[in-house]
Amino acid sequence: MKTIVMEREQEEMQFLGVFGIYKEAYKIIFSWRKIFSQIALALILPLSFISLAHIEVSNVLSGKIINNQVELLGTEAGTKRYNKLSDHVSSELAYFWLFEAAYLILSLIFSLLSSAAVVYTIASIYTNREVSFKKVMSVVPKVWKRLMVTFLSVSVAFFAYTVVAILVSSLVLIIAWFVFTGFHYLKVFYSFGIVLLVLYFMGFVYMIIVWQLASSVSVLEEACGFKAMTKSRALIKGKMWTAIIIFFELNLFSAVILMAFQNLVVHGVSMNMATRVLYGVICLSLFLGLLLFGLVTQTVIYFVCKSNHHENIEKSALSDHLDVYHGEHVPLNSKDVQLEESYV
């Protein structure tokens, strides 16, 4: 009989820090390794493969484009060879952007499907429901729709944020240019630019963290889209630094794996093919494990934030909410799914 994970009292979860959240995520994966292995192979493995294959294919395509462009610059315009090279560059650029578009679409689809599967599975485990891979996969398409609505809302928010940041930064830099140029304070002008860039990056990271938490909200509560983002912003208060540290640590490990793949596999031309394939398999396995661990961690953070705000989740109510995805119950009101706040 499986050990029931997440048996920790909800009131205690608010005290979990970075290490405690990692430990809880590991316990969940290890205790239910069969179901998570199936999810990883069905959904996260394709996502990992697409991400690594994107590096390899992009490197090949961009290399051909650059070589042809360099050769084009050394060829006399109007000649037959010039026209042939120009056609080659145009077709290669078209293939490159089509490939990039396909990569973005496929990675988005598998990313949302993976999130839906992991969050639903953990919620089922938390409520002591019977969970199987077949049942999870039957629910994923319905959960995926809610996550897609949230993603589109976040995309609109990112676009608006970027536009406003560009307008404000441009205005500040123009004013700084007129104020400081006359006094030869170009270093001050450049400092303004760096500060604005750092502020933009900080806001960007904050929105990503809100989006990640909003994904769990979209599955486990009625809210999705902008409502899920609003709920996520409220929940993350008090645990922001914990979420930021986890965000940077996981992305750091991800960057290390991707850099290792690029150096050892993509650019490892001095190695024989068998060695490069071996390194490729190792990088793929590590990246797959990191993505799975990150998705589980993201869901654990949701429960930690709920506990931190003293919003206890009644297991029976959450179980009823999960049944909605099977069409077994009529939709519940948010107050039924998320019980009233209990303040200690």
C-alpha atoms as a PDB file:
ATOM      1  CA  MET A   1       0.000   0.000   0.000  1.00  0.00           C
ATOM      2  CA  LYS A   2       1.367   3.408  -1.044  1.00  0.00           C
ATOM      3  CA  THR A   3       2.438   5.899   1.552  1.00  0.00           C
ATOM      4  CA  ILE A   4       0.120   8.890   1.405  1.00  0.00           C
ATOM      5  CA  VAL A   5       2.175  11.984   0.720  1.00  0.00           C
ATOM      6  CA  MET A   6       1.289  15.498   1.717  1.00  0.00           C
ATOM      7  CA  GLU A   7      -0.009  14.202   5.020  1.00  0.00           C
ATOM      8  CA  ARG A   8       1.599  17.238   6.597  1.00  0.00           C
ATOM      9  CA  GLU A   9      -0.949  19.440   8.367  1.00  0.00           C
ATOM     10  CA  GLN A  10      -1.926  22.436   6.270  1.00  0.00           C
ATOM     11  CA  GLU A  11      -1.054  24.808   9.090  1.00  0.00           C
ATOM     12  CA  GLU A  12       2.502  23.450   9.089  1.00  0.00           C
ATOM     13  CA  MET A  13       3.055  23.938   5.354  1.00  0.00           C
ATOM     14  CA  GLN A  14       3.245  27.707   5.759  1.00  0.00           C
ATOM     15  CA  PHE A  15       6.588  27.265   7.528  1.00  0.00           C
ATOM     16  CA  LEU A  16       8.214  25.383   4.646  1.00  0.00           C
ATOM     17  CA  GLY A  17      11.180  27.178   3.132  1.00  0.00           C
ATOM     18  CA  VAL A  18      13.108  26.412  -0.037  1.00  0.00           C
ATOM     19  CA  PHE A  19      14.616  23.161   1.264  1.00  0.00           C
ATOM     20  CA  GLY A  20      11.302  22.056   2.792  1.00  0.00           C
ATOM     21  CA  ILE A  21       9.471  22.590  -0.503  1.00  0.00           C
ATOM     22  CA  TYR A  22      12.153  20.640  -2.386  1.00  0.00           C
ATOM     23  CA  LYS A  23      11.879  17.816   0.157  1.00  0.00           C
ATOM     24  CA  GLU A  24       8.076  17.716  -0.132  1.00  0.00           C
ATOM     25  CA  ALA A  25       8.290  17.646  -3.943  1.00  0.00           C
ATOM     26  CA  TYR A  26      10.801  14.799  -3.822  1.00  0.00           C
ATOM     27  CA  LYS A  27       8.592  12.810  -1.422  1.00  0.00           C
ATOM     28  CA  ILE A  28       5.613  13.165  -3.757  1.00  0.00           C
ATOM     29  CA  ILE A  29       7.539  12.025  -6.827  1.00  0.00           C
ATOM     30  CA  PHE A  30       9.255   9.149  -5.025  1.00  0.00           C
ATOM     31  CA  SER A  31       6.093   7.867  -3.310  1.00  0.00           C
ATOM     32  CA  TRP A  32       4.108   7.938  -6.571  1.00  0.00           C
ATOM     33  CA  ARG A  33       6.953   7.273  -8.972  1.00  0.00           C
ATOM     34  CA  LYS A  34       4.898   4.999 -11.242  1.00  0.00           C
ATOM     35  CA  ILE A  35       2.267   7.580 -12.183  1.00  0.00           C
ATOM     36  CA  PHE A  36       4.845  10.375 -12.463  1.00  0.00           C
ATOM     37  CA  SER A  37       7.095   8.161 -14.605  1.00  0.00           C
ATOM     38  CA  GLN A  38       4.175   7.572 -16.961  1.00  0.00           C
ATOM     39  CA  ILE A  39       3.396  11.300 -17.133  1.00  0.00           C
ATOM     40  CA  ALA A  40       7.074  12.065 -17.695  1.00  0.00           C
ATOM     41  CA  LEU A  41       7.397   9.579 -20.566  1.00  0.00           C
ATOM     42  CA  ALA A  42       4.110  10.599 -22.224  1.00  0.00           C
ATOM     43  CA  LEU A  43       4.282  14.391 -21.898  1.00  0.00           C
ATOM     44  CA  ILE A  44       7.499  15.719 -20.377  1.00  0.00           C
ATOM     45  CA  LEU A  45       9.860  13.560 -22.483  1.00  0.00           C
ATOM     46  CA  PRO A  46       8.521  15.027 -25.765  1.00  0.00           C
ATOM     47  CA  LEU A  47       8.823  18.521 -24.263  1.00  0.00           C
ATOM     48  CA  SER A  48      12.426  17.840 -23.226  1.00  0.00           C
ATOM     49  CA  PHE A  49      13.288  16.333 -26.600  1.00  0.00           C
ATOM     50  CA  ILE A  50      11.747  19.291 -28.456  1.00  0.00           C
ATOM     51  CA  SER A  51      13.732  21.756 -26.341  1.00  0.00           C
ATOM     52  CA  LEU A  52      17.063  20.024 -26.946  1.00  0.00           C
ATOM     53  CA  ALA A  53      16.343  19.289 -30.606  1.00  0.00           C
ATOM     54  CA  HIS A  54      15.559  22.983 -31.056  1.00  0.00           C
ATOM     55  CA  ILE A  55      19.118  23.854 -30.037  1.00  0.00           C
ATOM     56  CA  GLU A  56      20.610  21.356 -32.498  1.00  0.00           C
ATOM     57  CA  VAL A  57      18.395  22.223 -35.483  1.00  0.00           C
ATOM     58  CA  SER A  58      18.576  25.982 -34.886  1.00  0.00           C
ATOM     59  CA  ASN A  59      22.358  25.739 -34.803  1.00  0.00           C
ATOM     60  CA  VAL A  60      22.431  23.892 -38.148  1.00  0.00           C
ATOM     61  CA  LEU A  61      19.951  26.212 -39.882  1.00  0.00           C
ATOM     62  CA  SER A  62      21.482  29.435 -38.558  1.00  0.00           C
ATOM     63  CA  GLY A  63      24.956  28.182 -39.503  1.00  0.00           C
ATOM     64  CA  LYS A  64      23.872  27.609 -43.116  1.00  0.00           C
ATOM     65  CA  ILE A  65      22.186  31.024 -43.267  1.00  0.00           C
ATOM     66  CA  ILE A  66      25.261  32.834 -41.906  1.00  0.00           C
ATOM     67  CA  ASN A  67      27.622  31.011 -44.296  1.00  0.00           C
ATOM     68  CA  ASN A  68      25.460  31.822 -47.309  1.00  0.00           C
ATOM     69  CA  GLN A  69      25.098  35.449 -46.230  1.00  0.00           C
ATOM     70  CA  VAL A  70      28.881  35.803 -45.860  1.00  0.00           C
ATOM     71  CA  GLU A  71      29.358  34.229 -49.284  1.00  0.00           C
ATOM     72  CA  LEU A  72      26.650  36.503 -50.669  1.00  0.00           C
ATOM     73  CA  LEU A  73      28.537  39.598 -49.481  1.00  0.00           C
ATOM     74  CA  GLY A  74      31.596  38.487 -51.449  1.00  0.00           C
ATOM     75  CA  THR A  75      29.648  37.892 -54.646  1.00  0.00           C
ATOM     76  CA  GLU A  76      28.949  40.521 -57.250  1.00  0.00           C
ATOM     77  CA  ALA A  77      25.318  41.629 -57.261  1.00  0.00           C
ATOM     78  CA  GLY A  78      23.244  40.752 -60.304  1.00  0.00           C
ATOM     79  CA  THR A  79      25.249  37.682 -61.261  1.00  0.00           C
ATOM     80  CA  LYS A  80      23.725  34.221 -61.602  1.00  0.00           C
ATOM     81  CA  ARG A  81      25.620  32.989 -58.549  1.00  0.00           C
ATOM     82  CA  TYR A  82      24.438  35.984 -56.512  1.00  0.00           C
ATOM     83  CA  ASN A  83      20.798  35.360 -57.417  1.00  0.00           C
ATOM     84  CA  LYS A  84      21.152  31.655 -56.586  1.00  0.00           C
ATOM     85  CA  LEU A  85      22.695  32.430 -53.184  1.00  0.00           C
ATOM     86  CA  SER A  86      20.026  35.061 -52.502  1.00  0.00           C
ATOM     87  CA  ASP A  87      17.281  32.505 -53.216  1.00  0.00           C
ATOM     88  CA  HIS A  88      19.014  30.015 -50.922  1.00  0.00           C
ATOM     89  CA  VAL A  89      19.174  32.543 -48.075  1.00  0.00           C
ATOM     90  CA  SER A  90      15.497  33.486 -48.522  1.00  0.00           C
ATOM     91  CA  SER A  91      14.336  29.852 -48.492  1.00  0.00           C
ATOM     92  CA  GLU A  92      16.562  29.001 -45.522  1.00  0.00           C
ATOM     93  CA  LEU A  93      15.228  31.987 -43.577  1.00  0.00           C
ATOM     94  CA  ALA A  94      11.675  30.846 -44.344  1.00  0.00           C
ATOM     95  CA  TYR A  95      12.477  27.317 -43.110  1.00  0.00           C
ATOM     96  CA  PHE A  96      14.150  28.756 -40.019  1.00  0.00           C
ATOM     97  CA  TRP A  97      11.139  30.860 -38.978  1.00  0.00           C
ATOM     98  CA  LEU A  98       8.696  28.050 -39.776  1.00  0.00           C
ATOM     99  CA  PHE A  99      10.760  25.776 -37.555  1.00  0.00           C
ATOM    100  CA  GLU A 100      10.809  28.391 -34.765  1.00  0.00           C
ATOM    101  CA  ALA A 101       7.011  28.780 -35.006  1.00  0.00           C
ATOM    102  CA  ALA A 102       6.512  24.993 -34.885  1.00  0.00           C
ATOM    103  CA  TYR A 103       8.859  24.767 -31.891  1.00  0.00           C
ATOM    104  CA  LEU A 104       6.968  27.453 -29.963  1.00  0.00           C
ATOM    105  CA  ILE A 105       3.586  25.851 -30.673  1.00  0.00           C
ATOM    106  CA  LEU A 106       4.676  22.315 -29.768  1.00  0.00           C
ATOM    107  CA  SER A 107       6.563  23.392 -26.639  1.00  0.00           C
ATOM    108  CA  LEU A 108       3.534  25.417 -25.496  1.00  0.00           C
ATOM    109  CA  ILE A 109       1.170  22.483 -26.045  1.00  0.00           C
ATOM    110  CA  PHE A 110       3.316  19.936 -24.189  1.00  0.00           C
ATOM    111  CA  SER A 111       4.175  22.444 -21.449  1.00  0.00           C
ATOM    112  CA  LEU A 112       0.503  23.121 -20.683  1.00  0.00           C
ATOM    113  CA  LEU A 113      -0.399  19.431 -20.963  1.00  0.00           C
ATOM    114  CA  SER A 114       2.407  18.515 -18.559  1.00  0.00           C
ATOM    115  CA  SER A 115       1.312  21.198 -16.076  1.00  0.00           C
ATOM    116  CA  ALA A 116      -2.287  20.024 -16.268  1.00  0.00           C
ATOM    117  CA  ALA A 117      -1.322  16.379 -15.663  1.00  0.00           C
ATOM    118  CA  VAL A 118       1.029  17.093 -12.757  1.00  0.00           C
ATOM    119  CA  VAL A 119      -1.249  19.542 -10.911  1.00  0.00           C
ATOM    120  CA  TYR A 120      -4.306  17.287 -11.295  1.00  0.00           C
ATOM    121  CA  THR A 121      -2.328  14.230 -10.138  1.00  0.00           C
ATOM    122  CA  ILE A 122      -1.012  15.970  -7.018  1.00  0.00           C
ATOM    123  CA  ALA A 123      -4.492  17.271  -6.166  1.00  0.00           C
ATOM    124  CA  SER A 124      -5.864  13.726  -6.525  1.00  0.00           C
ATOM    125  CA  ILE A 125      -3.113  12.396  -4.251  1.00  0.00           C
ATOM    126  CA  TYR A 126      -3.801  15.159  -1.734  1.00  0.00           C
ATOM    127  CA  THR A 127      -7.503  14.260  -1.581  1.00  0.00           C
ATOM    128  CA  ASN A 128      -6.771  10.502  -1.330  1.00  0.00           C
ATOM    129  CA  ARG A 129      -8.524   9.869  -4.647  1.00  0.00           C
ATOM    130  CA  GLU A 130      -7.775   6.859  -6.791  1.00  0.00           C
ATOM    131  CA  VAL A 131      -5.471   8.114  -9.519  1.00  0.00           C
ATOM    132  CA  SER A 132      -4.305   6.285 -12.630  1.00  0.00           C
ATOM    133  CA  PHE A 133      -2.499   7.354 -15.769  1.00  0.00           C
ATOM    134  CA  LYS A 134      -5.585   6.646 -17.890  1.00  0.00           C
ATOM    135  CA  LYS A 135      -7.758   8.792 -15.650  1.00  0.00           C
ATOM    136  CA  VAL A 136      -5.233  11.631 -15.664  1.00  0.00           C
ATOM    137  CA  MET A 137      -4.979  11.601 -19.452  1.00  0.00           C
ATOM    138  CA  SER A 138      -8.766  11.685 -19.795  1.00  0.00           C
ATOM    139  CA  VAL A 139      -8.892  14.831 -17.661  1.00  0.00           C
ATOM    140  CA  VAL A 140      -5.873  16.632 -19.125  1.00  0.00           C
ATOM    141  CA  PRO A 141      -7.669  18.030 -22.236  1.00  0.00           C
ATOM    142  CA  LYS A 142     -10.305  19.708 -20.049  1.00  0.00           C
ATOM    143  CA  VAL A 143      -7.743  21.102 -17.626  1.00  0.00           C
ATOM    144  CA  TRP A 144      -5.577  22.184 -20.579  1.00  0.00           C
ATOM    145  CA  LYS A 145      -8.306  24.532 -21.811  1.00  0.00           C
ATOM    146  CA  ARG A 146      -8.302  26.434 -18.517  1.00  0.00           C
ATOM    147  CA  LEU A 147      -4.511  26.676 -18.552  1.00  0.00           C
ATOM    148  CA  MET A 148      -4.650  27.958 -22.133  1.00  0.00           C
ATOM    149  CA  VAL A 149      -7.009  30.763 -21.094  1.00  0.00           C
ATOM    150  CA  THR A 150      -4.600  31.709 -18.307  1.00  0.00           C
ATOM    151  CA  PHE A 151      -1.633  31.579 -20.689  1.00  0.00           C
ATOM    152  CA  LEU A 152      -3.353  33.883 -23.191  1.00  0.00           C
ATOM    153  CA  SER A 153      -4.206  36.306 -20.385  1.00  0.00           C
ATOM    154  CA  VAL A 154      -0.601  36.259 -19.188  1.00  0.00           C
ATOM    155  CA  SER A 155       0.593  36.854 -22.764  1.00  0.00           C
ATOM    156  CA  VAL A 156      -1.600  39.951 -22.984  1.00  0.00           C
ATOM    157  CA  ALA A 157      -0.238  41.127 -19.627  1.00  0.00           C
ATOM    158  CA  PHE A 158       3.369  40.534 -20.775  1.00  0.00           C
ATOM    159  CA  PHE A 159       2.738  42.455 -23.987  1.00  0.00           C
ATOM    160  CA  ALA A 160       1.166  45.388 -22.153  1.00  0.00           C
ATOM    161  CA  TYR A 161       3.972  45.378 -19.585  1.00  0.00           C
ATOM    162  CA  THR A 162       6.640  45.413 -22.312  1.00  0.00           C
ATOM    163  CA  VAL A 163       4.955  48.236 -24.243  1.00  0.00           C
ATOM    164  CA  VAL A 164       4.609  50.378 -21.109  1.00  0.00           C
ATOM    165  CA  ALA A 165       8.213  49.593 -20.105  1.00  0.00           C
ATOM    166  CA  ILE A 166       9.505  50.651 -23.528  1.00  0.00           C
ATOM    167  CA  LEU A 167       7.503  53.900 -23.495  1.00  0.00           C
ATOM    168  CA  VAL A 168       8.536  54.813 -19.940  1.00  0.00           C
ATOM    169  CA  SER A 169      12.184  53.853 -20.530  1.00  0.00           C
ATOM    170  CA  SER A 170      12.313  55.863 -23.743  1.00  0.00           C
ATOM    171  CA  LEU A 171      10.889  58.913 -22.010  1.00  0.00           C
ATOM    172  CA  VAL A 172      13.306  58.616 -19.068  1.00  0.00           C
ATOM    173  CA  LEU A 173      16.324  58.130 -21.349  1.00  0.00           C
ATOM    174  CA  ILE A 174      15.361  61.081 -23.557  1.00  0.00           C
ATOM    175  CA  ILE A 175      15.068  63.320 -20.503  1.00  0.00           C
ATOM    176  CA  ALA A 176      18.343  61.974 -19.108  1.00  0.00           C
ATOM    177  CA  TRP A 177      20.080  62.604 -22.451  1.00  0.00           C
ATOM    178  CA  PHE A 178      19.079  66.275 -22.537  1.00  0.00           C
ATOM    179  CA  VAL A 179      19.858  66.785 -18.858  1.00  0.00           C
ATOM    180  CA  PHE A 180      23.230  65.062 -18.660  1.00  0.00           C
ATOM    181  CA  THR A 181      24.775  65.217 -22.155  1.00  0.00           C
ATOM    182  CA  GLY A 182      25.700  68.855 -21.841  1.00  0.00           C
ATOM    183  CA  PHE A 183      27.690  68.086 -18.712  1.00  0.00           C
ATOM    184  CA  HIS A 184      29.453  65.097 -20.281  1.00  0.00           C
ATOM    185  CA  TYR A 185      27.741  62.733 -17.880  1.00  0.00           C
ATOM    186  CA  LEU A 186      27.332  59.903 -20.357  1.00  0.00           C
ATOM    187  CA  LYS A 187      28.132  57.371 -17.624  1.00  0.00           C
ATOM    188  CA  VAL A 188      25.098  58.627 -15.703  1.00  0.00           C
ATOM    189  CA  PHE A 189      22.997  58.222 -18.854  1.00  0.00           C
ATOM    190  CA  TYR A 190      24.222  54.652 -19.315  1.00  0.00           C
ATOM    191  CA  SER A 191      23.551  53.973 -15.626  1.00  0.00           C
ATOM    192  CA  PHE A 192      19.935  55.021 -16.129  1.00  0.00           C
ATOM    193  CA  GLY A 193      19.680  52.497 -18.951  1.00  0.00           C
ATOM    194  CA  ILE A 194      21.111  49.691 -16.839  1.00  0.00           C
ATOM    195  CA  VAL A 195      18.808  50.498 -13.907  1.00  0.00           C
ATOM    196  CA  LEU A 196      15.763  50.511 -16.219  1.00  0.00           C
ATOM    197  CA  LEU A 197      16.835  47.188 -17.716  1.00  0.00           C
ATOM    198  CA  VAL A 198      17.235  45.638 -14.259  1.00  0.00           C
ATOM    199  CA  LEU A 199      13.828  46.949 -13.180  1.00  0.00           C
ATOM    200  CA  TYR A 200      12.245  45.512 -16.319  1.00  0.00           C
ATOM    201  CA  PHE A 201      13.896  42.133 -15.673  1.00  0.00           C
ATOM    202  CA  MET A 202      12.672  42.136 -12.063  1.00  0.00           C
ATOM    203  CA  GLY A 203       9.118  42.804 -13.213  1.00  0.00           C
ATOM    204  CA  PHE A 204       9.461  40.097 -15.860  1.00  0.00           C
ATOM    205  CA  VAL A 205      10.547  37.512 -13.265  1.00  0.00           C
ATOM    206  CA  TYR A 206       7.693  38.549 -10.967  1.00  0.00           C
ATOM    207  CA  MET A 207       5.148  38.010 -13.761  1.00  0.00           C
ATOM    208  CA  ILE A 208       6.579  34.575 -14.573  1.00  0.00           C
ATOM    209  CA  ILE A 209       6.281  33.526 -10.919  1.00  0.00           C
ATOM    210  CA  VAL A 210       2.700  34.817 -10.802  1.00  0.00           C
ATOM    211  CA  TRP A 211       1.951  32.884 -14.003  1.00  0.00           C
ATOM    212  CA  GLN A 212       3.385  29.651 -12.596  1.00  0.00           C
ATOM    213  CA  LEU A 213       1.264  29.915  -9.469  1.00  0.00           C
ATOM    214  CA  ALA A 214      -1.751  30.933 -11.563  1.00  0.00           C
ATOM    215  CA  SER A 215      -1.431  27.609 -13.409  1.00  0.00           C
ATOM    216  CA  SER A 216      -2.127  25.725 -10.169  1.00  0.00           C
ATOM    217  CA  VAL A 217      -4.945  28.142  -9.328  1.00  0.00           C
ATOM    218  CA  SER A 218      -6.515  27.526 -12.760  1.00  0.00           C
ATOM    219  CA  VAL A 219      -6.672  23.774 -12.121  1.00  0.00           C
ATOM    220  CA  LEU A 220      -7.547  23.681  -8.421  1.00  0.00           C
ATOM    221  CA  GLU A 221      -9.953  26.622  -8.271  1.00  0.00           C
ATOM    222  CA  GLU A 222     -12.684  28.016 -10.468  1.00  0.00           C
ATOM    223  CA  ALA A 223     -10.634  31.069 -11.395  1.00  0.00           C
ATOM    224  CA  CYS A 224      -8.692  31.126 -14.654  1.00  0.00           C
ATOM    225  CA  GLY A 225      -7.305  33.826 -16.900  1.00  0.00           C
ATOM    226  CA  PHE A 226      -6.951  37.263 -15.310  1.00  0.00           C
ATOM    227  CA  LYS A 227      -8.877  36.097 -12.222  1.00  0.00           C
ATOM    228  CA  ALA A 228      -6.303  33.363 -11.655  1.00  0.00           C
ATOM    229  CA  MET A 229      -3.506  35.907 -11.998  1.00  0.00           C
ATOM    230  CA  THR A 230      -5.176  38.201  -9.464  1.00  0.00           C
ATOM    231  CA  LYS A 231      -5.592  35.288  -7.066  1.00  0.00           C
ATOM    232  CA  SER A 232      -1.979  34.236  -7.661  1.00  0.00           C
ATOM    233  CA  ARG A 233      -0.689  37.744  -6.881  1.00  0.00           C
ATOM    234  CA  ALA A 234      -2.551  37.693  -3.581  1.00  0.00           C
ATOM    235  CA  LEU A 235      -1.304  34.214  -2.665  1.00  0.00           C
ATOM    236  CA  ILE A 236       2.362  34.841  -3.426  1.00  0.00           C
ATOM    237  CA  LYS A 237       2.587  37.647  -0.870  1.00  0.00           C
ATOM    238  CA  GLY A 238       4.667  36.503   2.054  1.00  0.00           C
ATOM    239  CA  LYS A 239       6.375  33.759   0.055  1.00  0.00           C
ATOM    240  CA  MET A 240       7.792  35.862  -2.758  1.00  0.00           C
ATOM    241  CA  TRP A 241      11.449  35.464  -1.781  1.00  0.00           C
ATOM    242  CA  THR A 242      11.019  31.705  -1.448  1.00  0.00           C
ATOM    243  CA  ALA A 243       9.463  31.550  -4.920  1.00  0.00           C
ATOM    244  CA  ILE A 244      12.193  33.795  -6.375  1.00  0.00           C
ATOM    245  CA  ILE A 245      15.010  31.643  -4.947  1.00  0.00           C
ATOM    246  CA  ILE A 246      13.388  28.468  -6.289  1.00  0.00           C
ATOM    247  CA  PHE A 247      12.820  30.135  -9.673  1.00  0.00           C
ATOM    248  CA  PHE A 248      16.471  31.144 -10.024  1.00  0.00           C
ATOM    249  CA  GLU A 249      17.841  27.838  -8.737  1.00  0.00           C
ATOM    250  CA  LEU A 250      15.748  25.715 -11.094  1.00  0.00           C
ATOM    251  CA  ASN A 251      16.514  27.993 -14.047  1.00  0.00           C
ATOM    252  CA  LEU A 252      20.210  27.922 -13.164  1.00  0.00           C
ATOM    253  CA  PHE A 253      20.230  24.116 -13.257  1.00  0.00           C
ATOM    254  CA  SER A 254      18.272  24.249 -16.521  1.00  0.00           C
ATOM    255  CA  ALA A 255      20.816  26.649 -18.039  1.00  0.00           C
ATOM    256  CA  VAL A 256      23.705  24.384 -16.962  1.00  0.00           C
ATOM    257  CA  ILE A 257      22.088  21.357 -18.634  1.00  0.00           C
ATOM    258  CA  LEU A 258      21.343  23.270 -21.851  1.00  0.00           C
ATOM    259  CA  MET A 259      24.885  24.691 -21.962  1.00  0.00           C
ATOM    260  CA  ALA A 260      26.321  21.208 -21.415  1.00  0.00           C
ATOM    261  CA  PHE A 261      24.175  19.871 -24.269  1.00  0.00           C
ATOM    262  CA  GLN A 262      25.282  22.680 -26.566  1.00  0.00           C
ATOM    263  CA  ASN A 263      28.974  22.271 -25.777  1.00  0.00           C
ATOM    264  CA  LEU A 264      29.137  18.471 -25.616  1.00  0.00           C
ATOM    265  CA  VAL A 265      26.572  17.469 -28.245  1.00  0.00           C
ATOM    266  CA  VAL A 266      25.916  20.353 -30.641  1.00  0.00           C
ATOM    267  CA  HIS A 267      29.490  21.647 -30.790  1.00  0.00           C
ATOM    268  CA  GLY A 268      31.229  18.421 -29.750  1.00  0.00           C
ATOM    269  CA  VAL A 269      32.449  17.711 -33.273  1.00  0.00           C
ATOM    270  CA  SER A 270      35.806  16.433 -31.988  1.00  0.00           C
ATOM    271  CA  MET A 271      34.064  13.513 -30.235  1.00  0.00           C
ATOM    272  CA  ASN A 272      32.891  10.363 -31.938  1.00  0.00           C
ATOM    273  CA  MET A 273      29.180   9.922 -32.603  1.00  0.00           C
ATOM    274  CA  ALA A 274      28.654   7.317 -29.843  1.00  0.00           C
ATOM    275  CA  THR A 275      30.058   9.674 -27.190  1.00  0.00           C
ATOM    276  CA  ARG A 276      27.915  12.556 -28.403  1.00  0.00           C
ATOM    277  CA  VAL A 277      24.798  10.346 -28.348  1.00  0.00           C
ATOM    278  CA  LEU A 278      25.652   9.229 -24.806  1.00  0.00           C
ATOM    279  CA  TYR A 279      26.018  12.839 -23.641  1.00  0.00           C
ATOM    280  CA  GLY A 280      22.773  13.672 -25.428  1.00  0.00           C
ATOM    281  CA  VAL A 281      20.884  10.928 -23.583  1.00  0.00           C
ATOM    282  CA  ILE A 282      22.347  12.073 -20.246  1.00  0.00           C
ATOM    283  CA  CYS A 283      21.351  15.699 -20.871  1.00  0.00           C
ATOM    284  CA  LEU A 284      17.871  14.620 -21.999  1.00  0.00           C
ATOM    285  CA  SER A 285      17.379  12.516 -18.844  1.00  0.00           C
ATOM    286  CA  LEU A 286      18.572  15.313 -16.554  1.00  0.00           C
ATOM    287  CA  PHE A 287      16.416  17.902 -18.299  1.00  0.00           C
ATOM    288  CA  LEU A 288      13.361  15.626 -18.125  1.00  0.00           C
ATOM    289  CA  GLY A 289      13.875  15.056 -14.385  1.00  0.00           C
ATOM    290  CA  LEU A 290      14.353  18.778 -13.765  1.00  0.00           C
ATOM    291  CA  LEU A 291      11.150  19.695 -15.636  1.00  0.00           C
ATOM    292  CA  LEU A 292       9.146  17.115 -13.675  1.00  0.00           C
ATOM    293  CA  PHE A 293      10.627  18.270 -10.368  1.00  0.00           C
ATOM    294  CA  GLY A 294       9.907  21.897 -11.285  1.00  0.00           C
ATOM    295  CA  LEU A 295       6.236  21.213 -12.061  1.00  0.00           C
ATOM    296  CA  VAL A 296       5.747  19.311  -8.791  1.00  0.00           C
ATOM    297  CA  THR A 297       7.548  22.061  -6.868  1.00  0.00           C
ATOM    298  CA  GLN A 298       5.289  24.654  -8.487  1.00  0.00           C
ATOM    299  CA  THR A 299       2.207  22.843  -7.167  1.00  0.00           C
ATOM    300  CA  VAL A 300       3.687  22.420  -3.688  1.00  0.00           C
ATOM    301  CA  ILE A 301       4.293  26.187  -3.594  1.00  0.00           C
ATOM    302  CA  TYR A 302       0.558  26.669  -4.212  1.00  0.00           C
ATOM    303  CA  PHE A 303      -0.343  24.655  -1.093  1.00  0.00           C
ATOM    304  CA  VAL A 304       2.358  26.452   0.903  1.00  0.00           C
ATOM    305  CA  CYS A 305       0.957  29.845  -0.133  1.00  0.00           C
ATOM    306  CA  LYS A 306      -2.589  28.752   0.737  1.00  0.00           C
ATOM    307  CA  SER A 307      -1.394  27.682   4.159  1.00  0.00           C
ATOM    308  CA  ASN A 308       0.568  30.902   4.607  1.00  0.00           C
ATOM    309  CA  HIS A 309      -2.661  32.875   4.118  1.00  0.00           C
ATOM    310  CA  HIS A 310      -4.556  30.493   6.417  1.00  0.00           C
ATOM    311  CA  GLU A 311      -6.798  29.359   3.551  1.00  0.00           C
ATOM    312  CA  ASN A 312      -7.390  25.735   4.429  1.00  0.00           C
ATOM    313  CA  ILE A 313      -8.555  23.555   1.558  1.00  0.00           C
ATOM    314  CA  GLU A 314     -11.206  21.027   2.502  1.00  0.00           C
ATOM    315  CA  LYS A 315     -10.288  17.744   0.849  1.00  0.00           C
ATOM    316  CA  SER A 316     -13.877  16.729   0.161  1.00  0.00           C
ATOM    317  CA  ALA A 317     -14.639  20.072  -1.516  1.00  0.00           C
ATOM    318  CA  LEU A 318     -11.480  19.881  -3.611  1.00  0.00           C
ATOM    319  CA  SER A 319     -12.361  16.299  -4.535  1.00  0.00           C
ATOM    320  CA  ASP A 320     -15.782  17.461  -5.715  1.00  0.00           C
ATOM    321  CA  HIS A 321     -14.107  20.161  -7.763  1.00  0.00           C
ATOM    322  CA  LEU A 322     -11.880  17.567  -9.441  1.00  0.00           C
ATOM    323  CA  ASP A 323     -14.970  15.492 -10.246  1.00  0.00           C
ATOM    324  CA  VAL A 324     -16.225  18.389 -12.373  1.00  0.00           C
ATOM    325  CA  TYR A 325     -13.557  17.501 -14.940  1.00  0.00           C
ATOM    326  CA  HIS A 326     -15.189  14.077 -15.269  1.00  0.00           C
ATOM    327  CA  GLY A 327     -18.670  15.584 -15.561  1.00  0.00           C
ATOM    328  CA  GLU A 328     -19.744  13.874 -12.365  1.00  0.00           C
ATOM    329  CA  HIS A 329     -20.914  17.015 -10.597  1.00  0.00           C
ATOM    330  CA  VAL A 330     -22.275  20.391 -11.530  1.00  0.00           C
ATOM    331  CA  PRO A 331     -19.771  23.259 -11.193  1.00  0.00           C
ATOM    332  CA  LEU A 332     -19.335  24.480  -7.653  1.00  0.00           C
ATOM    333  CA  ASN A 333     -19.117  28.015  -6.439  1.00  0.00           C
ATOM    334  CA  SER A 334     -15.632  29.208  -5.522  1.00  0.00           C
ATOM    335  CA  LYS A 335     -16.653  29.417  -1.876  1.00  0.00           C
ATOM    336  CA  ASP A 336     -17.493  25.715  -2.020  1.00  0.00           C
ATOM    337  CA  VAL A 337     -14.186  24.728  -3.612  1.00  0.00           C
ATOM    338  CA  GLN A 338     -12.008  26.968  -1.479  1.00  0.00           C
ATOM    339  CA  LEU A 339     -13.314  27.035   2.039  1.00  0.00           C
ATOM    340  CA  GLU A 340     -13.475  30.118   4.165  1.00  0.00           C
ATOM    341  CA  GLU A 341     -10.217  31.464   5.553  1.00  0.00           C
ATOM    342  CA  SER A 342      -9.375  30.241   9.011  1.00  0.00           C
ATOM    343  CA  TYR A 343      -7.158  32.584  10.938  1.00  0.00           C
ATOM    344  CA  VAL A 344      -4.979  31.294  13.732  1.00  0.00           C
END
